[in-house]
Amino acid sequence: MKIAIIGAGASGIIAAITAKRLNKDLQIDIFDANKSIGKKILASGNGRCNISNTTISSKNYIGENPSFVEFALKEFDFKAFEKFCKTIGLMLDIKESGKVYPLSNEAKSVTNLLQLALEELDINIFCEHFVQNLDKKENKFIVKANEKEFKNYDKVLISSGLGAAPQLNATEIGLDIASKFGHSFNPTYPSLVGLQTQETYNGKLQGVKKECNVALYVNGNFEQEIFGDVLFTSYGVSGFAILDISQRAVLSLSQYFDVELRINFSPKINVNDLANQIQTLFKNLPTKRAVDILIGLVSNKIAPILLNICKIDINTKANEINIKQIKSLAHQLNSWKLKVIDTQGFSHAEASGGGVKTSEIDNRTYESKLCKGLYFAGEVLDIVGNRGGYNLHFAWASGYLVGKSFSK
């Protein structure tokens, strides 16, 4: 049997290794646009490769039907992944948070060991091959890449991802192929990405970083709250809390809903206690400018903008500020509103949302329900995980099931 895999990422690689280990008679060809395999693996975790997570469930994923992932996560849970890693010689560093990294702390270790495993199994790797099309004639698939035709494939896996990280040759060719074979897909959008906001304050908050509570409101309704780092930028906001909340924020934005963030700079203090603290500071230093006193509470970049939002002159002294104004300052710090208008785009996104509709895919084999012999795995499907190794784990798990199916 002859198999083609389009995309040498996590799902494509593990599918090939699993299939060939179970059936030595398979001929497997992998096609990838890059010079070497696993480019997105190399880029994950800032080069350290957050390769998986010890605690995974369907709650860690979003899409039209997140429960689609449940069988894959059951069949290929973290223990199964750890066992697979040992078979290729990869040792893991498991953090208390549940995040998992290679013990070497280098993503290159992962791709090097996967490359060796592929070579040992005599799996053909066609790097720098840009797949342009896929046809099927007389029950055999034909892959067109680099203006050449590669023929007579019995089965094909589309594991080419989506548009996140175009600088790594990411494209949406998988959706083009899916459409050609009758599949439908949900619109794609950048996920785990910085957010552009209507309020940029002319970049005056750029570089301000603080651990905050970030609440997401969609059409005025509370949706989600996350605690973590918020980094103000020239375009809006980034940081881990923003990347995490961006998943639901951008999905809502793609549906043309009104999306707003409300940032609480002092999540451990309620708004009334915060007002009392500000009042005490002002009473202790009555002749000082309020803007100078506030830098004991917030960044010196935030203080003047805070006063401006609350319509207080920057030269106003502490003893000139009344209780109503103090409550206004506390309320602003407790719920700093930012209207989300866009994202930093696919080139800055860690993952893509949207993709091939999972209702058209068998959740046990990942074979198309519309075209026999055609499979989909990983990011090309309408499943996107939270930050923390979840996207890579779904890629491993879905690819593993495809590999099992290929071997039969």
Foldseek 3Di string as FASTA:
>chain_A
DEEEEEAQAQLSLLLLLLQCVLALPYAYEYEEQAPAGHPLQCPPPNQLGQAAFQDDDLVQKDFPDSNLLHVLCVVCPVVNVCVVCVVLPWDWDADPVRGITTPVSGSVVVRVSSVVSCVVSVHHYHYSWDWDAWDADPQKIWTATPNDIDIGHNFYEYAQFDLFACVRVRHLVVQVHCVVLPFDKDDKFFALFAFFFPDQVQFLQAAFKAWWKKWKAWLNHTDDIDTFIWGRHNRGIHGQRRRQVRHVQGVSVVVVIWMKMWIARCVVDDLVVQLVVLLVQCVVFVFQFSLVSCCVPGPNSVSVVLCVVLVHDRRDGSNRDDSVSSSSSSVCNGTVMTTTNGTPTSNRGSHMAMATECVQADSQQQAGVRDPNYGYFANNYRMDGGPRNHRSSRSNSNSSSNSVVSND
